[in-house]
C-alpha cells in the first residue's frame, strides 16, 4: 500500500525559505507522477509542482515559478519542494500526492487532482509579512 508522509512545514517570515519533504513508500519501482498541492481554507486545492519519478516530466505552477523547485531523491524515495522568496500568499496546507504506477499522462505530470490516487496528511506552511 502506498503511503506518503510530508515534513518540513513551519512558520517563516516573508522572503524566507523552507524545504518540504515527502517520503513515499509502497511502490515497487520508480514509475509514477508525484507532486505538491496546497490548499487554503475555503479555497480550492491548487497544484504547485509535479515530477515523474522516472525522470524528465515536470510541472511547476506559474504562481511559484522562479521561487519553488521540485526535486527528488529516488534512492531515498523522497520528494522535495524547495521554497524560496516566500510570500504571505504562499500560506497554506501543503499536500504530497502521487499517482498509480505507470507512464506519465499525455502532456506529462500535471496539476489535475483527479490524476492522483494517493495523498499525504499535509504539512502547514505559514508565511508572515
N, C-alpha and C. Protein backbone atom coordinates (compact mmCIF):
# COMPACT_ATOMS: atom_id res chain seq x y z
N UNK A 1 0.85 -1.19 0.00
CA UNK A 1 0.00 0.00 0.00
C UNK A 1 0.88 1.24 0.00
N UNK A 2 0.54 2.18 -0.85
CA UNK A 2 1.33 3.40 -0.95
C UNK A 2 1.02 4.32 0.22
N UNK A 3 2.08 4.88 0.78
CA UNK A 3 1.94 5.82 1.88
C UNK A 3 2.83 7.03 1.62
N UNK A 4 2.30 8.21 1.87
CA UNK A 4 3.06 9.45 1.68
C UNK A 4 3.08 10.21 2.99
N UNK A 5 4.26 10.62 3.41
CA UNK A 5 4.38 11.36 4.67
C UNK A 5 5.17 12.63 4.42
N UNK A 6 4.52 13.76 4.67
CA UNK A 6 5.17 15.06 4.46
C UNK A 6 5.87 15.54 5.73
N UNK A 7 6.87 16.37 5.54
CA UNK A 7 7.55 17.03 6.65
C UNK A 7 8.15 18.32 6.15
N UNK A 8 8.57 19.17 7.08
CA UNK A 8 9.30 20.37 6.71
C UNK A 8 8.51 21.66 6.77
N UNK A 9 7.23 21.59 7.03
CA UNK A 9 6.44 22.81 7.13
C UNK A 9 6.82 23.60 8.37
N UNK A 10 6.30 24.81 8.44
CA UNK A 10 6.58 25.65 9.59
C UNK A 10 6.20 27.08 9.33
N UNK A 11 6.66 27.96 10.20
CA UNK A 11 6.39 29.39 10.08
C UNK A 11 7.67 30.12 9.70
N UNK A 12 7.54 31.06 8.79
CA UNK A 12 8.69 31.81 8.32
C UNK A 12 8.24 33.21 7.92
N UNK A 13 9.15 34.15 7.96
CA UNK A 13 8.82 35.49 7.52
C UNK A 13 8.92 35.60 6.01
N UNK A 14 8.20 36.56 5.48
CA UNK A 14 8.24 36.79 4.04
C UNK A 14 9.67 36.98 3.58
N UNK A 15 9.98 36.36 2.44
CA UNK A 15 11.34 36.39 1.92
C UNK A 15 12.18 35.21 2.35
N UNK A 16 11.69 34.46 3.30
CA UNK A 16 12.42 33.31 3.80
C UNK A 16 12.25 32.07 2.93
N UNK A 17 12.81 30.98 3.42
CA UNK A 17 12.80 29.72 2.67
C UNK A 17 12.40 28.57 3.57
N UNK A 18 11.82 27.57 2.95
CA UNK A 18 11.52 26.30 3.60
C UNK A 18 11.72 25.20 2.58
N UNK A 19 12.03 24.00 3.06
CA UNK A 19 12.09 22.85 2.19
C UNK A 19 11.16 21.78 2.73
N UNK A 20 10.19 21.41 1.92
CA UNK A 20 9.29 20.33 2.27
C UNK A 20 9.83 19.01 1.74
N UNK A 21 9.52 17.95 2.45
CA UNK A 21 9.92 16.61 2.02
C UNK A 21 8.70 15.69 2.07
N UNK A 22 8.66 14.75 1.18
CA UNK A 22 7.60 13.75 1.14
C UNK A 22 8.23 12.37 0.99
N UNK A 23 8.10 11.58 2.00
CA UNK A 23 8.63 10.22 1.97
C UNK A 23 7.56 9.30 1.40
N UNK A 24 7.87 8.64 0.30
CA UNK A 24 6.93 7.73 -0.35
C UNK A 24 7.34 6.29 -0.08
N UNK A 25 6.37 5.46 0.23
CA UNK A 25 6.65 4.03 0.43
C UNK A 25 5.53 3.22 -0.23
N UNK A 26 5.85 1.98 -0.55
CA UNK A 26 4.85 1.08 -1.12
C UNK A 26 4.92 0.91 -2.63
N UNK A 27 5.79 1.68 -3.29
CA UNK A 27 5.94 1.50 -4.73
C UNK A 27 6.99 0.42 -5.01
N UNK A 28 6.70 -0.40 -6.04
CA UNK A 28 7.65 -1.46 -6.38
C UNK A 28 8.82 -0.92 -7.20
N UNK A 29 8.55 0.14 -7.97
CA UNK A 29 9.63 0.75 -8.73
C UNK A 29 9.25 2.19 -9.05
N UNK A 30 10.21 2.95 -9.56
CA UNK A 30 10.04 4.38 -9.79
C UNK A 30 9.41 4.65 -11.14
N UNK A 31 8.09 4.69 -11.18
CA UNK A 31 7.39 4.99 -12.43
C UNK A 31 6.01 5.55 -12.09
N UNK A 32 5.97 6.77 -11.61
CA UNK A 32 4.71 7.39 -11.22
C UNK A 32 4.90 8.89 -11.11
N UNK A 33 3.81 9.60 -11.28
CA UNK A 33 3.83 11.06 -11.05
C UNK A 33 3.65 11.31 -9.55
N UNK A 34 4.36 12.28 -9.07
CA UNK A 34 4.25 12.67 -7.68
C UNK A 34 4.42 14.18 -7.59
N UNK A 35 3.68 14.82 -6.73
CA UNK A 35 3.75 16.27 -6.71
C UNK A 35 3.21 16.90 -5.43
N UNK A 36 3.15 18.20 -5.48
CA UNK A 36 2.70 19.00 -4.35
C UNK A 36 1.46 19.82 -4.73
N UNK A 37 0.51 19.81 -3.81
CA UNK A 37 -0.67 20.66 -3.90
C UNK A 37 -0.73 21.50 -2.64
N UNK A 38 -1.49 22.58 -2.68
CA UNK A 38 -1.69 23.37 -1.48
C UNK A 38 -3.14 23.84 -1.41
N UNK A 39 -3.59 24.09 -0.19
CA UNK A 39 -4.97 24.50 -0.01
C UNK A 39 -5.09 25.45 1.18
N UNK A 40 -5.83 26.50 0.94
CA UNK A 40 -6.19 27.46 1.98
C UNK A 40 -7.64 27.21 2.33
N UNK A 41 -8.01 27.25 3.59
CA UNK A 41 -9.41 27.02 3.97
C UNK A 41 -10.37 27.89 3.16
N UNK A 42 -11.40 27.25 2.61
CA UNK A 42 -12.40 27.98 1.84
C UNK A 42 -12.07 28.14 0.38
N UNK A 43 -10.90 27.65 -0.03
CA UNK A 43 -10.50 27.75 -1.44
C UNK A 43 -10.22 26.37 -1.99
N UNK A 44 -10.20 26.27 -3.31
CA UNK A 44 -9.91 25.01 -3.98
C UNK A 44 -8.43 24.66 -3.83
N UNK A 45 -8.16 23.39 -3.87
CA UNK A 45 -6.78 22.94 -3.79
C UNK A 45 -6.08 23.30 -5.10
N UNK A 46 -4.85 23.73 -4.98
CA UNK A 46 -4.07 24.21 -6.14
C UNK A 46 -2.85 23.33 -6.34
N UNK A 47 -2.65 22.91 -7.57
CA UNK A 47 -1.44 22.16 -7.90
C UNK A 47 -0.25 23.10 -7.95
N UNK A 48 0.82 22.74 -7.27
CA UNK A 48 2.01 23.59 -7.19
C UNK A 48 3.12 23.09 -8.11
N UNK A 49 3.42 21.81 -8.02
CA UNK A 49 4.52 21.25 -8.81
C UNK A 49 4.38 19.74 -8.85
N UNK A 50 4.89 19.15 -9.91
CA UNK A 50 4.83 17.69 -10.04
C UNK A 50 6.02 17.21 -10.84
N UNK A 51 6.36 15.95 -10.64
CA UNK A 51 7.50 15.37 -11.33
C UNK A 51 7.25 13.89 -11.55
N UNK A 52 7.85 13.33 -12.59
CA UNK A 52 7.74 11.90 -12.83
C UNK A 52 8.91 11.23 -12.15
N UNK A 53 8.63 10.22 -11.34
CA UNK A 53 9.68 9.60 -10.56
C UNK A 53 10.77 8.98 -11.44
N UNK A 54 10.37 8.60 -12.67
CA UNK A 54 11.35 8.04 -13.60
C UNK A 54 12.16 9.10 -14.32
N UNK A 55 11.87 10.36 -14.05
CA UNK A 55 12.66 11.45 -14.64
C UNK A 55 11.94 12.14 -15.78
N UNK A 56 12.44 13.28 -16.19
CA UNK A 56 12.04 14.07 -17.35
C UNK A 56 10.79 14.93 -17.20
N UNK A 57 9.67 14.33 -16.84
CA UNK A 57 8.43 15.11 -16.86
C UNK A 57 8.29 15.92 -15.58
N UNK A 58 8.17 17.25 -15.70
CA UNK A 58 7.95 18.09 -14.53
C UNK A 58 6.91 19.15 -14.85
N UNK A 59 6.26 19.62 -13.79
CA UNK A 59 5.29 20.69 -13.89
C UNK A 59 5.54 21.65 -12.75
N UNK A 60 5.42 22.93 -13.02
CA UNK A 60 5.54 23.94 -11.97
C UNK A 60 4.50 25.02 -12.25
N UNK A 61 3.75 25.38 -11.23
CA UNK A 61 2.71 26.39 -11.39
C UNK A 61 3.31 27.77 -11.66
N UNK A 62 2.64 28.54 -12.47
CA UNK A 62 3.10 29.90 -12.76
C UNK A 62 3.18 30.74 -11.50
N UNK A 63 2.36 30.43 -10.51
CA UNK A 63 2.33 31.24 -9.29
C UNK A 63 3.58 31.07 -8.44
N UNK A 64 4.34 30.00 -8.69
CA UNK A 64 5.55 29.76 -7.88
C UNK A 64 6.79 29.63 -8.74
N UNK A 65 6.63 29.72 -10.05
CA UNK A 65 7.77 29.55 -10.95
C UNK A 65 8.85 30.59 -10.65
N UNK A 66 10.08 30.11 -10.58
CA UNK A 66 11.20 31.00 -10.26
C UNK A 66 11.47 31.09 -8.77
N UNK A 67 10.55 30.63 -7.95
CA UNK A 67 10.74 30.65 -6.49
C UNK A 67 10.79 29.25 -5.89
N UNK A 68 10.00 28.34 -6.42
CA UNK A 68 9.93 26.98 -5.90
C UNK A 68 10.61 26.03 -6.87
N UNK A 69 11.23 25.00 -6.34
CA UNK A 69 11.87 23.97 -7.15
C UNK A 69 11.48 22.60 -6.62
N UNK A 70 11.04 21.74 -7.53
CA UNK A 70 10.71 20.37 -7.15
C UNK A 70 11.87 19.47 -7.53
N UNK A 71 12.19 18.54 -6.66
CA UNK A 71 13.27 17.60 -6.93
C UNK A 71 12.97 16.30 -6.20
N UNK A 72 13.79 15.29 -6.50
CA UNK A 72 13.57 14.00 -5.86
C UNK A 72 14.88 13.28 -5.65
N UNK A 73 14.88 12.43 -4.66
CA UNK A 73 15.99 11.52 -4.40
C UNK A 73 15.41 10.12 -4.46
N UNK A 74 15.56 9.48 -5.62
CA UNK A 74 14.92 8.17 -5.81
C UNK A 74 15.50 7.11 -4.90
N UNK A 75 16.76 7.24 -4.55
CA UNK A 75 17.37 6.26 -3.65
C UNK A 75 16.69 6.29 -2.28
N UNK A 76 16.22 7.48 -1.89
CA UNK A 76 15.55 7.63 -0.61
C UNK A 76 14.03 7.65 -0.75
N UNK A 77 13.55 7.53 -1.99
CA UNK A 77 12.11 7.59 -2.27
C UNK A 77 11.49 8.84 -1.65
N UNK A 78 12.17 9.94 -1.83
CA UNK A 78 11.76 11.20 -1.21
C UNK A 78 11.62 12.30 -2.25
N UNK A 79 10.54 13.02 -2.15
CA UNK A 79 10.26 14.17 -2.99
C UNK A 79 10.50 15.43 -2.16
N UNK A 80 11.03 16.46 -2.82
CA UNK A 80 11.29 17.71 -2.12
C UNK A 80 10.61 18.88 -2.83
N UNK A 81 10.32 19.91 -2.05
CA UNK A 81 9.89 21.18 -2.62
C UNK A 81 10.67 22.27 -1.91
N UNK A 82 11.63 22.85 -2.63
CA UNK A 82 12.41 23.95 -2.10
C UNK A 82 11.64 25.23 -2.38
N UNK A 83 11.31 25.94 -1.33
CA UNK A 83 10.51 27.16 -1.47
C UNK A 83 11.33 28.36 -1.01
N UNK A 84 11.65 29.22 -1.94
CA UNK A 84 12.42 30.42 -1.66
C UNK A 84 11.56 31.66 -1.89
N UNK A 85 12.02 32.78 -1.36
CA UNK A 85 11.31 34.06 -1.53
C UNK A 85 9.83 33.91 -1.20
N UNK A 86 9.57 33.30 -0.08
CA UNK A 86 8.18 33.01 0.30
C UNK A 86 7.40 34.29 0.53
N UNK A 87 6.13 34.23 0.16
CA UNK A 87 5.21 35.36 0.30
C UNK A 87 4.05 34.96 1.21
N UNK A 88 3.41 35.93 1.84
CA UNK A 88 2.25 35.58 2.69
C UNK A 88 1.19 34.78 1.95
N UNK A 89 1.04 35.02 0.65
CA UNK A 89 0.05 34.27 -0.12
C UNK A 89 0.43 32.82 -0.36
N UNK A 90 1.64 32.43 0.03
CA UNK A 90 2.04 31.03 -0.04
C UNK A 90 1.56 30.25 1.18
N UNK A 91 1.00 30.96 2.15
CA UNK A 91 0.49 30.29 3.34
C UNK A 91 -0.62 29.33 2.98
N UNK A 92 -0.47 28.07 3.38
CA UNK A 92 -1.44 27.04 3.03
C UNK A 92 -1.03 25.73 3.68
N UNK A 93 -1.92 24.76 3.60
CA UNK A 93 -1.55 23.38 3.92
C UNK A 93 -1.02 22.79 2.63
N UNK A 94 0.14 22.21 2.70
CA UNK A 94 0.78 21.61 1.53
C UNK A 94 0.66 20.09 1.61
N UNK A 95 0.18 19.52 0.52
CA UNK A 95 -0.04 18.09 0.44
C UNK A 95 0.85 17.46 -0.62
N UNK A 96 1.36 16.30 -0.30
CA UNK A 96 2.05 15.48 -1.28
C UNK A 96 1.02 14.52 -1.88
N UNK A 97 1.08 14.33 -3.17
CA UNK A 97 0.14 13.42 -3.85
C UNK A 97 0.88 12.62 -4.91
N UNK A 98 0.43 11.40 -5.12
CA UNK A 98 1.10 10.53 -6.09
C UNK A 98 0.08 9.70 -6.85
N UNK A 99 0.47 9.33 -8.05
CA UNK A 99 -0.39 8.54 -8.92
C UNK A 99 -0.04 7.07 -8.81
N UNK A 100 -0.85 6.23 -9.43
CA UNK A 100 -0.53 4.81 -9.50
C UNK A 100 0.66 4.61 -10.44
N UNK A 101 1.26 3.44 -10.35
CA UNK A 101 2.38 3.09 -11.22
C UNK A 101 1.95 3.18 -12.68
N UNK A 102 2.83 3.74 -13.50
CA UNK A 102 2.55 3.80 -14.92
C UNK A 102 3.28 4.96 -15.56
N UNK A 103 3.23 5.06 -16.87
CA UNK A 103 3.89 6.18 -17.56
C UNK A 103 3.17 7.48 -17.26
N UNK A 104 3.82 8.61 -17.47
CA UNK A 104 3.13 9.89 -17.25
C UNK A 104 2.00 10.05 -18.24
N UNK A 105 0.97 10.81 -17.90
CA UNK A 105 -0.12 11.04 -18.84
C UNK A 105 0.36 11.86 -20.03
N UNK A 106 -0.46 11.88 -21.08
CA UNK A 106 -0.13 12.71 -22.24
C UNK A 106 0.04 14.15 -21.78
N UNK A 107 1.15 14.76 -22.15
CA UNK A 107 1.42 16.12 -21.69
C UNK A 107 2.25 16.17 -20.44
N UNK A 108 2.46 15.03 -19.83
CA UNK A 108 3.32 14.98 -18.65
C UNK A 108 2.57 15.06 -17.34
N UNK A 109 3.29 14.87 -16.25
CA UNK A 109 2.70 15.02 -14.92
C UNK A 109 2.16 16.43 -14.77
N UNK A 110 1.05 16.55 -14.06
CA UNK A 110 0.35 17.84 -14.08
C UNK A 110 -0.28 18.14 -12.74
N UNK A 111 -1.19 19.11 -12.75
CA UNK A 111 -1.82 19.58 -11.51
C UNK A 111 -3.27 19.13 -11.38
N UNK A 112 -3.70 18.17 -12.16
CA UNK A 112 -5.08 17.68 -12.06
C UNK A 112 -5.21 16.77 -10.86
N UNK A 113 -6.03 17.16 -9.93
CA UNK A 113 -6.22 16.35 -8.72
C UNK A 113 -6.69 14.95 -9.06
N UNK A 114 -7.52 14.82 -10.07
CA UNK A 114 -8.10 13.52 -10.42
C UNK A 114 -7.05 12.53 -10.92
N UNK A 115 -5.86 13.02 -11.28
CA UNK A 115 -4.80 12.13 -11.74
C UNK A 115 -4.01 11.52 -10.59
N UNK A 116 -4.30 11.92 -9.38
CA UNK A 116 -3.53 11.47 -8.22
C UNK A 116 -4.39 10.60 -7.32
N UNK A 117 -3.89 9.42 -7.01
CA UNK A 117 -4.67 8.44 -6.25
C UNK A 117 -4.33 8.43 -4.76
N UNK A 118 -3.13 8.88 -4.44
CA UNK A 118 -2.66 8.77 -3.07
C UNK A 118 -2.31 10.16 -2.54
N UNK A 119 -2.66 10.39 -1.28
CA UNK A 119 -2.43 11.71 -0.67
C UNK A 119 -1.85 11.58 0.73
N UNK A 120 -0.96 12.51 1.06
CA UNK A 120 -0.45 12.57 2.41
C UNK A 120 -1.39 13.38 3.29
N UNK A 121 -1.01 13.50 4.55
CA UNK A 121 -1.85 14.21 5.52
C UNK A 121 -1.65 15.72 5.47
N UNK A 122 -0.58 16.16 4.88
CA UNK A 122 -0.36 17.60 4.74
C UNK A 122 0.59 18.15 5.79
N UNK A 123 1.24 19.25 5.43
CA UNK A 123 2.11 19.98 6.36
C UNK A 123 1.83 21.47 6.18
N UNK A 124 1.68 22.17 7.28
CA UNK A 124 1.28 23.57 7.23
C UNK A 124 2.48 24.48 6.99
N UNK A 125 2.30 25.42 6.08
CA UNK A 125 3.30 26.46 5.83
C UNK A 125 2.64 27.80 6.10
N UNK A 126 3.25 28.59 6.96
CA UNK A 126 2.71 29.90 7.30
C UNK A 126 3.79 30.96 7.07
N UNK A 127 3.47 31.93 6.25
CA UNK A 127 4.42 33.00 5.92
C UNK A 127 3.84 34.31 6.43
N UNK A 128 4.58 34.96 7.30
CA UNK A 128 4.12 36.21 7.88
C UNK A 128 4.80 37.39 7.20
N UNK A 129 4.06 38.49 7.14
CA UNK A 129 4.59 39.69 6.47
C UNK A 129 5.42 40.54 7.42
